[in-house]
Amino acid sequence: MSDNEEKKERCCSTSTAECCKVESVVTIDERGQMILPKELREKAGLVAGDKLVIATSMKEGRFNFLMMFRADDFGDMVKGVVGPVMRTMWMDKQEEK
């Protein structure tokens, strides 16, 4: 297996989602704004007024990457992750009693 095939398999093997890929390159203007290209907005179904959550990851004191999520979807994702953790913690507390 080539290095590229191995990297692709590792990328995709832990999720049912497609591998990460570069969709576009954007430029930040002098006012700190950026424009998402029309093709990407259409592909993502984004329209004027949609809200996006920006999540970051730090590595060695620097931003490693930024991720954007639809605000509505992000709340559901947080509930999906935090909910089971909170239930487990609550169950553990109940068992301690």
Protein backbone atom coordinates (compact mmCIF):
# COMPACT_ATOMS: atom_id res chain seq x y z
CA MET A 1 0.00 0.00 0.00
CA SER A 2 1.40 3.41 -0.96
CA ASP A 3 1.85 6.21 1.59
CA ASN A 4 -1.05 8.16 0.03
CA GLU A 5 -3.37 5.14 0.16
CA GLU A 6 -2.39 4.49 3.77
CA LYS A 7 -3.02 8.15 4.75
CA LYS A 8 -6.39 8.11 2.99
CA GLU A 9 -7.40 4.89 4.72
CA ARG A 10 -6.44 6.28 8.14
CA CYS A 11 -8.34 9.49 7.44
CA CYS A 12 -11.53 7.72 6.44
CA SER A 13 -11.35 4.59 8.57
CA THR A 14 -12.55 6.24 11.80
CA SER A 15 -15.64 7.88 10.37
CA THR A 16 -18.41 7.37 7.88
CA ALA A 17 -17.79 10.92 6.63
CA GLU A 18 -15.75 11.55 3.52
CA CYS A 19 -12.10 12.43 3.99
CA CYS A 20 -11.21 16.01 4.68
CA LYS A 21 -10.40 18.01 1.60
CA VAL A 22 -9.59 21.58 0.68
CA GLU A 23 -12.79 23.16 -0.63
CA SER A 24 -11.41 26.62 -1.28
CA VAL A 25 -8.81 29.17 -0.29
CA VAL A 26 -10.09 32.48 1.04
CA THR A 27 -8.37 35.78 1.73
CA ILE A 28 -8.98 37.94 4.78
CA ASP A 29 -9.40 41.58 3.78
CA GLU A 30 -8.16 44.68 5.59
CA ARG A 31 -11.34 44.74 7.72
CA GLY A 32 -10.75 41.14 8.86
CA GLN A 33 -13.55 39.75 6.72
CA MET A 34 -13.51 36.84 4.33
CA ILE A 35 -15.89 35.72 1.63
CA LEU A 36 -16.92 32.12 1.24
CA PRO A 37 -17.07 31.44 -2.49
CA LYS A 38 -20.56 31.16 -3.99
CA GLU A 39 -19.98 27.56 -5.10
CA LEU A 40 -19.09 26.54 -1.53
CA ARG A 41 -22.05 28.42 -0.03
CA GLU A 42 -24.40 26.73 -2.49
CA LYS A 43 -22.85 23.31 -1.87
CA ALA A 44 -23.24 23.80 1.90
CA GLY A 45 -26.72 25.29 1.56
CA LEU A 46 -25.64 28.51 3.29
CA VAL A 47 -27.70 31.65 2.78
CA ALA A 48 -27.53 35.22 4.05
CA GLY A 49 -28.27 35.34 7.77
CA ASP A 50 -27.11 31.78 8.53
CA LYS A 51 -25.02 31.59 11.69
CA LEU A 52 -21.80 29.61 11.88
CA VAL A 53 -19.88 28.51 14.97
CA ILE A 54 -16.09 28.76 14.71
CA ALA A 55 -14.28 26.11 16.76
CA THR A 56 -10.51 26.13 17.11
CA SER A 57 -7.71 23.79 18.04
CA MET A 58 -4.44 24.94 19.58
CA LYS A 59 -1.04 23.33 19.19
CA GLU A 60 2.10 24.68 20.80
CA GLY A 61 0.39 27.97 21.62
CA ARG A 62 -0.83 28.60 18.06
CA PHE A 63 -4.10 27.99 16.31
CA ASN A 64 -3.72 24.68 14.56
CA PHE A 65 -6.99 24.91 12.64
CA LEU A 66 -10.42 26.49 12.55
CA MET A 67 -13.62 24.57 11.91
CA MET A 68 -16.99 26.03 10.97
CA PHE A 69 -20.29 24.43 11.89
CA ARG A 70 -23.85 25.55 11.34
CA ALA A 71 -24.96 26.98 14.68
CA ASP A 72 -28.14 24.85 14.70
CA ASP A 73 -26.20 21.66 13.96
CA PHE A 74 -23.50 22.49 16.50
CA GLY A 75 -25.98 22.54 19.36
CA ASP A 76 -27.18 19.08 18.37
CA MET A 77 -23.58 17.83 18.11
CA VAL A 78 -22.76 19.15 21.59
CA LYS A 79 -25.86 17.51 23.02
CA GLY A 80 -24.88 14.26 21.30
CA VAL A 81 -21.43 14.30 22.90
CA VAL A 82 -22.08 15.98 26.24
CA GLY A 83 -25.41 14.24 26.89
CA PRO A 84 -23.98 10.71 27.09
CA VAL A 85 -21.03 11.94 29.18
CA MET A 86 -23.36 13.67 31.64
CA ARG A 87 -25.61 10.58 31.80
CA THR A 88 -22.58 8.40 32.56
CA MET A 89 -21.40 10.79 35.27
CA TRP A 90 -24.91 10.91 36.77
CA MET A 91 -25.15 7.11 36.72
CA ASP A 92 -21.73 6.81 38.38
CA LYS A 93 -22.86 9.23 41.13
CA GLN A 94 -26.04 7.20 41.65
CA GLU A 95 -24.03 3.97 41.99
CA GLU A 96 -21.78 5.61 44.61
CA LYS A 97 -24.79 6.30 46.86
